[in-house]
C-alpha atoms as a PDB file:
ATOM      1  CA  MET A   1     110.102 107.609  60.691  1.00  0.00           C
ATOM      2  CA  LYS A   2     107.600 106.592  63.356  1.00  0.00           C
ATOM      3  CA  LYS A   3     108.709 109.440  65.626  1.00  0.00           C
ATOM      4  CA  PHE A   4     108.390 111.857  62.727  1.00  0.00           C
ATOM      5  CA  LEU A   5     104.833 110.720  61.993  1.00  0.00           C
ATOM      6  CA  LEU A   6     103.894 111.014  65.664  1.00  0.00           C
ATOM      7  CA  THR A   7     105.283 114.551  65.735  1.00  0.00           C
ATOM      8  CA  VAL A   8     103.287 115.471  62.620  1.00  0.00           C
ATOM      9  CA  LEU A   9     100.100 113.969  64.077  1.00  0.00           C
ATOM     10  CA  LYS A  10     100.607 115.816  67.365  1.00  0.00           C
ATOM     11  CA  SER A  11     101.158 119.071  65.485  1.00  0.00           C
ATOM     12  CA  ILE A  12      97.984 118.528  63.487  1.00  0.00           C
ATOM     13  CA  GLY A  13      96.130 117.753  66.719  1.00  0.00           C
ATOM     14  CA  VAL A  14      97.336 120.984  68.314  1.00  0.00           C
ATOM     15  CA  ILE A  15      96.322 123.020  65.268  1.00  0.00           C
ATOM     16  CA  LEU A  16      92.879 121.403  65.173  1.00  0.00           C
ATOM     17  CA  GLY A  17      92.518 121.996  68.913  1.00  0.00           C
ATOM     18  CA  ILE A  18      93.306 125.686  68.491  1.00  0.00           C
ATOM     19  CA  ILE A  19      90.790 125.967  65.645  1.00  0.00           C
ATOM     20  CA  VAL A  20      88.057 124.255  67.680  1.00  0.00           C
ATOM     21  CA  PHE A  21      88.796 126.464  70.689  1.00  0.00           C
ATOM     22  CA  TYR A  22      88.662 129.569  68.508  1.00  0.00           C
ATOM     23  CA  VAL A  23      85.319 128.532  67.003  1.00  0.00           C
ATOM     24  CA  ILE A  24      83.913 128.016  70.513  1.00  0.00           C
ATOM     25  CA  LEU A  25      85.084 131.507  71.510  1.00  0.00           C
ATOM     26  CA  VAL A  26      83.569 133.005  68.357  1.00  0.00           C
ATOM     27  CA  LEU A  27      80.249 131.328  69.067  1.00  0.00           C
ATOM     28  CA  LEU A  28      79.987 131.934  72.823  1.00  0.00           C
ATOM     29  CA  ILE A  29      81.741 135.175  73.853  1.00  0.00           C
ATOM     30  CA  PRO A  30      79.499 137.442  71.714  1.00  0.00           C
ATOM     31  CA  TYR A  31      76.567 136.411  73.913  1.00  0.00           C
ATOM     32  CA  ILE A  32      78.220 138.153  76.858  1.00  0.00           C
ATOM     33  CA  PRO A  33      76.779 141.671  76.595  1.00  0.00           C
ATOM     34  CA  VAL A  34      78.298 145.041  77.365  1.00  0.00           C
ATOM     35  CA  ALA A  35      75.430 147.205  78.569  1.00  0.00           C
ATOM     36  CA  LYS A  36      74.541 150.606  77.182  1.00  0.00           C
ATOM     37  CA  LYS A  37      75.747 153.372  79.490  1.00  0.00           C
ATOM     38  CA  PRO A  38      72.938 155.524  80.915  1.00  0.00           C
ATOM     39  CA  VAL A  39      72.942 159.216  80.016  1.00  0.00           C
ATOM     40  CA  ALA A  40      71.004 162.226  81.248  1.00  0.00           C
ATOM     41  CA  GLU A  41      71.114 164.121  77.944  1.00  0.00           C
ATOM     42  CA  ARG A  42      68.644 163.576  75.129  1.00  0.00           C
ATOM     43  CA  PRO A  43      70.198 161.584  72.263  1.00  0.00           C
ATOM     44  CA  ASP A  44      69.609 163.472  69.021  1.00  0.00           C
ATOM     45  CA  ILE A  45      72.343 162.355  66.610  1.00  0.00           C
ATOM     46  CA  ALA A  46      71.523 159.344  64.430  1.00  0.00           C
ATOM     47  CA  VAL A  47      74.308 156.934  63.502  1.00  0.00           C
ATOM     48  CA  TYR A  48      74.035 153.472  62.007  1.00  0.00           C
ATOM     49  CA  ILE A  49      75.757 150.107  62.038  1.00  0.00           C
ATOM     50  CA  LEU A  50      75.803 148.488  58.626  1.00  0.00           C
ATOM     51  CA  THR A  51      76.708 144.970  57.485  1.00  0.00           C
ATOM     52  CA  ASN A  52      77.108 143.326  54.099  1.00  0.00           C
ATOM     53  CA  GLY A  53      76.695 139.915  55.712  1.00  0.00           C
ATOM     54  CA  MET A  54      80.333 139.596  56.737  1.00  0.00           C
ATOM     55  CA  HIS A  55      81.837 143.035  57.269  1.00  0.00           C
ATOM     56  CA  THR A  56      80.470 145.866  59.410  1.00  0.00           C
ATOM     57  CA  ASP A  57      80.845 149.650  59.181  1.00  0.00           C
ATOM     58  CA  VAL A  58      79.870 152.602  61.323  1.00  0.00           C
ATOM     59  CA  VAL A  59      77.765 155.175  59.463  1.00  0.00           C
ATOM     60  CA  MET A  60      77.739 158.802  60.613  1.00  0.00           C
ATOM     61  CA  PRO A  61      76.445 162.138  59.340  1.00  0.00           C
ATOM     62  CA  VAL A  62      79.042 163.814  57.134  1.00  0.00           C
ATOM     63  CA  ASN A  63      78.513 167.134  58.855  1.00  0.00           C
ATOM     64  CA  SER A  64      77.356 167.897  62.399  1.00  0.00           C
ATOM     65  CA  LYS A  65      78.172 170.352  65.164  1.00  0.00           C
ATOM     66  CA  ILE A  66      80.643 167.745  66.479  1.00  0.00           C
ATOM     67  CA  ILE A  67      82.667 167.108  63.315  1.00  0.00           C
ATOM     68  CA  ASN A  68      82.661 167.731  59.581  1.00  0.00           C
ATOM     69  CA  TRP A  69      84.184 164.570  58.140  1.00  0.00           C
ATOM     70  CA  ASN A  70      85.047 166.442  54.941  1.00  0.00           C
ATOM     71  CA  ASP A  71      87.733 168.206  56.959  1.00  0.00           C
ATOM     72  CA  GLU A  72      89.322 164.840  57.727  1.00  0.00           C
ATOM     73  CA  ILE A  73      88.547 162.715  54.676  1.00  0.00           C
ATOM     74  CA  PRO A  74      87.221 164.874  51.818  1.00  0.00           C
ATOM     75  CA  ALA A  75      84.385 163.332  49.825  1.00  0.00           C
ATOM     76  CA  GLY A  76      85.838 165.054  46.776  1.00  0.00           C
ATOM     77  CA  LYS A  77      88.541 162.354  46.626  1.00  0.00           C
ATOM     78  CA  THR A  78      85.957 159.822  45.447  1.00  0.00           C
ATOM     79  CA  ARG A  79      85.606 159.083  41.733  1.00  0.00           C
ATOM     80  CA  SER A  80      82.353 161.026  41.724  1.00  0.00           C
ATOM     81  CA  GLY A  81      84.079 164.130  43.053  1.00  0.00           C
ATOM     82  CA  ARG A  82      80.899 165.054  44.902  1.00  0.00           C
ATOM     83  CA  THR A  83      80.979 166.947  48.175  1.00  0.00           C
ATOM     84  CA  ASP A  84      77.274 166.935  49.051  1.00  0.00           C
ATOM     85  CA  TYR A  85      76.801 163.446  50.535  1.00  0.00           C
ATOM     86  CA  ARG A  86      74.844 163.256  53.781  1.00  0.00           C
ATOM     87  CA  TYR A  87      76.392 160.152  55.365  1.00  0.00           C
ATOM     88  CA  ILE A  88      79.795 158.521  55.583  1.00  0.00           C
ATOM     89  CA  SER A  89      80.332 154.842  56.335  1.00  0.00           C
ATOM     90  CA  ILE A  90      83.711 153.940  57.815  1.00  0.00           C
ATOM     91  CA  GLY A  91      85.094 150.476  58.371  1.00  0.00           C
ATOM     92  CA  TRP A  92      88.498 149.180  59.415  1.00  0.00           C
ATOM     93  CA  GLY A  93      90.028 146.049  57.951  1.00  0.00           C
ATOM     94  CA  ASP A  94      92.906 144.210  56.344  1.00  0.00           C
ATOM     95  CA  LYS A  95      94.430 146.190  53.485  1.00  0.00           C
ATOM     96  CA  GLY A  96      95.022 143.071  51.396  1.00  0.00           C
ATOM     97  CA  PHE A  97      91.393 141.998  51.688  1.00  0.00           C
ATOM     98  CA  TYR A  98      90.187 145.485  50.793  1.00  0.00           C
ATOM     99  CA  LEU A  99      92.458 146.132  47.822  1.00  0.00           C
ATOM    100  CA  ASP A 100      93.272 142.687  46.432  1.00  0.00           C
ATOM    101  CA  THR A 101      90.068 140.717  47.018  1.00  0.00           C
ATOM    102  CA  PRO A 102      87.058 142.243  45.216  1.00  0.00           C
ATOM    103  CA  THR A 103      85.105 138.989  45.740  1.00  0.00           C
ATOM    104  CA  TRP A 104      85.547 135.941  47.972  1.00  0.00           C
ATOM    105  CA  ALA A 105      86.197 133.849  44.840  1.00  0.00           C
ATOM    106  CA  GLU A 106      89.360 135.888  44.286  1.00  0.00           C
ATOM    107  CA  LEU A 107      90.731 135.380  47.792  1.00  0.00           C
ATOM    108  CA  LYS A 108      94.353 134.209  47.678  1.00  0.00           C
ATOM    109  CA  PRO A 109      95.649 131.845  50.397  1.00  0.00           C
ATOM    110  CA  SER A 110      98.582 134.219  50.978  1.00  0.00           C
ATOM    111  CA  THR A 111      96.176 137.108  51.636  1.00  0.00           C
ATOM    112  CA  ALA A 112      94.149 135.022  54.099  1.00  0.00           C
ATOM    113  CA  VAL A 113      97.239 133.842  56.004  1.00  0.00           C
ATOM    114  CA  LYS A 114      98.678 137.346  56.254  1.00  0.00           C
ATOM    115  CA  ALA A 115      95.349 138.706  57.469  1.00  0.00           C
ATOM    116  CA  ALA A 116      94.874 135.978  60.060  1.00  0.00           C
ATOM    117  CA  PHE A 117      98.306 136.285  61.639  1.00  0.00           C
ATOM    118  CA  TRP A 118      99.120 139.996  61.942  1.00  0.00           C
ATOM    119  CA  LEU A 119     101.309 139.936  58.802  1.00  0.00           C
ATOM    120  CA  SER A 120      99.754 142.704  56.711  1.00  0.00           C
ATOM    121  CA  GLU A 121      98.758 146.341  56.933  1.00  0.00           C
ATOM    122  CA  SER A 122      95.289 147.667  57.667  1.00  0.00           C
ATOM    123  CA  ALA A 123      93.135 150.256  55.950  1.00  0.00           C
ATOM    124  CA  MET A 124      90.058 152.384  56.504  1.00  0.00           C
ATOM    125  CA  HIS A 125      87.306 152.055  53.902  1.00  0.00           C
ATOM    126  CA  CYS A 126      85.170 155.180  53.605  1.00  0.00           C
ATOM    127  CA  THR A 127      81.922 155.085  51.624  1.00  0.00           C
ATOM    128  CA  TYR A 128      79.538 157.988  51.122  1.00  0.00           C
ATOM    129  CA  TYR A 129      75.736 157.853  50.940  1.00  0.00           C
ATOM    130  CA  ASP A 130      72.879 160.227  50.216  1.00  0.00           C
ATOM    131  CA  LYS A 131      70.490 158.473  52.592  1.00  0.00           C
ATOM    132  CA  MET A 132      70.284 155.589  55.029  1.00  0.00           C
ATOM    133  CA  GLU A 133      67.338 153.248  55.503  1.00  0.00           C
ATOM    134  CA  GLU A 134      66.865 150.957  58.487  1.00  0.00           C
ATOM    135  CA  SER A 135      66.722 147.240  57.758  1.00  0.00           C
ATOM    136  CA  GLU A 136      67.965 143.930  59.145  1.00  0.00           C
ATOM    137  CA  ASP A 137      71.416 144.900  57.869  1.00  0.00           C
ATOM    138  CA  CYS A 138      71.283 148.547  58.930  1.00  0.00           C
ATOM    139  CA  LYS A 139      70.426 149.549  62.506  1.00  0.00           C
ATOM    140  CA  LYS A 140      69.930 153.129  63.673  1.00  0.00           C
ATOM    141  CA  ILE A 141      71.381 154.207  67.009  1.00  0.00           C
ATOM    142  CA  MET A 142      70.690 157.562  68.649  1.00  0.00           C
ATOM    143  CA  LEU A 143      73.614 159.232  70.418  1.00  0.00           C
ATOM    144  CA  THR A 144      74.056 162.279  72.585  1.00  0.00           C
ATOM    145  CA  GLU A 145      76.588 164.896  71.506  1.00  0.00           C
ATOM    146  CA  LYS A 146      79.057 163.587  74.090  1.00  0.00           C
ATOM    147  CA  GLN A 147      78.620 159.999  72.895  1.00  0.00           C
ATOM    148  CA  TYR A 148      79.035 161.006  69.265  1.00  0.00           C
ATOM    149  CA  ALA A 149      82.155 163.006  70.100  1.00  0.00           C
ATOM    150  CA  ALA A 150      83.608 159.880  71.746  1.00  0.00           C
ATOM    151  CA  LEU A 151      82.724 157.782  68.697  1.00  0.00           C
ATOM    152  CA  ALA A 152      84.263 160.327  66.328  1.00  0.00           C
ATOM    153  CA  GLU A 153      87.482 160.417  68.365  1.00  0.00           C
ATOM    154  CA  PHE A 154      87.676 156.626  68.339  1.00  0.00           C
ATOM    155  CA  VAL A 155      87.310 156.532  64.553  1.00  0.00           C
ATOM    156  CA  LYS A 156      89.750 159.412  63.967  1.00  0.00           C
ATOM    157  CA  SER A 157      92.374 157.719  66.134  1.00  0.00           C
ATOM    158  CA  LYS A 158      92.476 154.686  63.820  1.00  0.00           C
ATOM    159  CA  PHE A 159      93.721 156.613  60.765  1.00  0.00           C
ATOM    160  CA  ASP A 160      97.425 156.663  59.983  1.00  0.00           C
ATOM    161  CA  ARG A 161      98.524 160.254  59.562  1.00  0.00           C
ATOM    162  CA  ASP A 162     101.236 162.113  57.697  1.00  0.00           C
ATOM    163  CA  GLN A 163     103.671 164.648  59.157  1.00  0.00           C
ATOM    164  CA  ASN A 164     100.968 167.301  58.930  1.00  0.00           C
ATOM    165  CA  GLY A 165      98.491 165.212  60.898  1.00  0.00           C
ATOM    166  CA  LYS A 166      96.307 164.420  57.889  1.00  0.00           C
ATOM    167  CA  PRO A 167      94.923 160.926  57.156  1.00  0.00           C
ATOM    168  CA  ILE A 168      97.014 159.162  54.485  1.00  0.00           C
ATOM    169  CA  PHE A 169      94.961 158.693  51.329  1.00  0.00           C
ATOM    170  CA  VAL A 170      95.487 155.436  49.414  1.00  0.00           C
ATOM    171  CA  LYS A 171      95.536 156.147  45.698  1.00  0.00           C
ATOM    172  CA  THR A 172      94.223 152.959  44.112  1.00  0.00           C
ATOM    173  CA  ASP A 173      91.979 151.669  41.344  1.00  0.00           C
ATOM    174  CA  ALA A 174      90.651 149.008  43.728  1.00  0.00           C
ATOM    175  CA  VAL A 175      87.780 151.156  44.996  1.00  0.00           C
ATOM    176  CA  TYR A 176      84.389 149.433  44.878  1.00  0.00           C
ATOM    177  CA  GLY A 177      82.553 152.215  43.058  1.00  0.00           C
ATOM    178  CA  LYS A 178      82.341 155.953  42.542  1.00  0.00           C
ATOM    179  CA  ASP A 179      81.483 156.772  46.162  1.00  0.00           C
ATOM    180  CA  ASP A 180      84.286 155.223  48.235  1.00  0.00           C
ATOM    181  CA  THR A 181      87.928 155.777  49.182  1.00  0.00           C
ATOM    182  CA  PHE A 182      90.658 154.068  51.199  1.00  0.00           C
ATOM    183  CA  TYR A 183      93.067 155.408  53.820  1.00  0.00           C
ATOM    184  CA  ASP A 184      95.963 153.824  55.692  1.00  0.00           C
ATOM    185  CA  ALA A 185      95.024 152.700  59.194  1.00  0.00           C
ATOM    186  CA  GLN A 186      96.512 151.962  62.584  1.00  0.00           C
ATOM    187  CA  GLY A 187      96.805 148.394  63.864  1.00  0.00           C
ATOM    188  CA  SER A 188      96.952 144.929  62.343  1.00  0.00           C
ATOM    189  CA  TYR A 189      94.081 142.688  61.359  1.00  0.00           C
ATOM    190  CA  SER A 190      94.037 139.136  62.751  1.00  0.00           C
ATOM    191  CA  PHE A 191      91.650 136.338  63.641  1.00  0.00           C
ATOM    192  CA  LEU A 192      91.414 137.966  67.083  1.00  0.00           C
ATOM    193  CA  ASN A 193      91.041 141.530  65.792  1.00  0.00           C
ATOM    194  CA  THR A 194      88.693 141.649  62.803  1.00  0.00           C
ATOM    195  CA  CYS A 195      86.709 144.386  61.110  1.00  0.00           C
ATOM    196  CA  ASN A 196      83.773 143.418  63.313  1.00  0.00           C
ATOM    197  CA  THR A 197      85.895 143.580  66.460  1.00  0.00           C
ATOM    198  CA  TRP A 198      86.711 147.152  65.439  1.00  0.00           C
ATOM    199  CA  THR A 199      83.050 148.084  64.977  1.00  0.00           C
ATOM    200  CA  ASN A 200      82.172 146.446  68.290  1.00  0.00           C
ATOM    201  CA  ASN A 201      84.891 148.511  69.988  1.00  0.00           C
ATOM    202  CA  ALA A 202      83.543 151.649  68.329  1.00  0.00           C
ATOM    203  CA  LEU A 203      80.134 150.957  69.900  1.00  0.00           C
ATOM    204  CA  LYS A 204      81.792 150.502  73.291  1.00  0.00           C
ATOM    205  CA  ALA A 205      83.578 153.840  72.870  1.00  0.00           C
ATOM    206  CA  ALA A 206      80.202 155.478  72.260  1.00  0.00           C
ATOM    207  CA  GLY A 207      78.694 153.842  75.347  1.00  0.00           C
ATOM    208  CA  GLN A 208      76.336 151.630  73.329  1.00  0.00           C
ATOM    209  CA  LYS A 209      75.285 148.004  73.553  1.00  0.00           C
ATOM    210  CA  ALA A 210      77.981 145.641  72.358  1.00  0.00           C
ATOM    211  CA  ALA A 211      79.422 142.172  72.750  1.00  0.00           C
ATOM    212  CA  LEU A 212      82.271 141.602  75.185  1.00  0.00           C
ATOM    213  CA  TRP A 213      84.224 140.526  72.083  1.00  0.00           C
ATOM    214  CA  THR A 214      83.262 139.369  68.640  1.00  0.00           C
ATOM    215  CA  ALA A 215      84.905 138.420  65.366  1.00  0.00           C
ATOM    216  CA  THR A 216      81.635 138.358  63.407  1.00  0.00           C
ATOM    217  CA  ASP A 217      78.862 140.748  62.437  1.00  0.00           C
ATOM    218  CA  PHE A 218      76.348 138.433  64.136  1.00  0.00           C
ATOM    219  CA  GLY A 219      78.044 139.093  67.459  1.00  0.00           C
ATOM    220  CA  ILE A 220      77.140 142.762  67.095  1.00  0.00           C
ATOM    221  CA  PHE A 221      73.737 142.592  65.435  1.00  0.00           C
ATOM    222  CA  GLN A 222      72.284 140.082  67.893  1.00  0.00           C
ATOM    223  CA  HIS A 223      72.343 142.926  70.430  1.00  0.00           C
ATOM    224  CA  TYR A 224      70.282 145.090  68.055  1.00  0.00           C
ATOM    225  CA  PRO A 225      67.254 142.956  67.166  1.00  0.00           C
END
């Protein structure tokens, strides 16, 4: 019995040690910056990073000379059926969180465990807007055409696709409103690879300021005061 208790205590100690180490990483690594890459061209395409206080998205113009997002993910699939939105916000995350957890109060332990340990699928959440306004939670970033093309390719590469190469639409009643849709995504969410890690990597792909790694929105937004 004594040996059993010692084993349990050691196991608890290891788990607590891992949690403490993870918290230290979450707090410190985001302060290590990845610098913005210098460019000779004039940046003239406005994109945004958007947070709801926990989760971040990348916001892009629906239509530009680089890409028309309606060709990839038609706005007409929203409940509104509209096709005249000006901006599209795209975020990557755990499918269970997106579809089964409308509010934090409804978070199930099983959903949290699956999300933390690579045990569930991921999804892309696409939300359409008529306008964007800069604020503490919404930062504008100007990109060159080359930078925006790199960002668009990064985002496109994260969609799961069918045999015809089209993003796989998720037909669900769990949308948040009349202006959003969900699609199946590549990769697995985990405590090391969160929605904010994805957004941070998107900024790196576009040659913008970013954290070396981050699990939180703060890790991104501290580089955009």
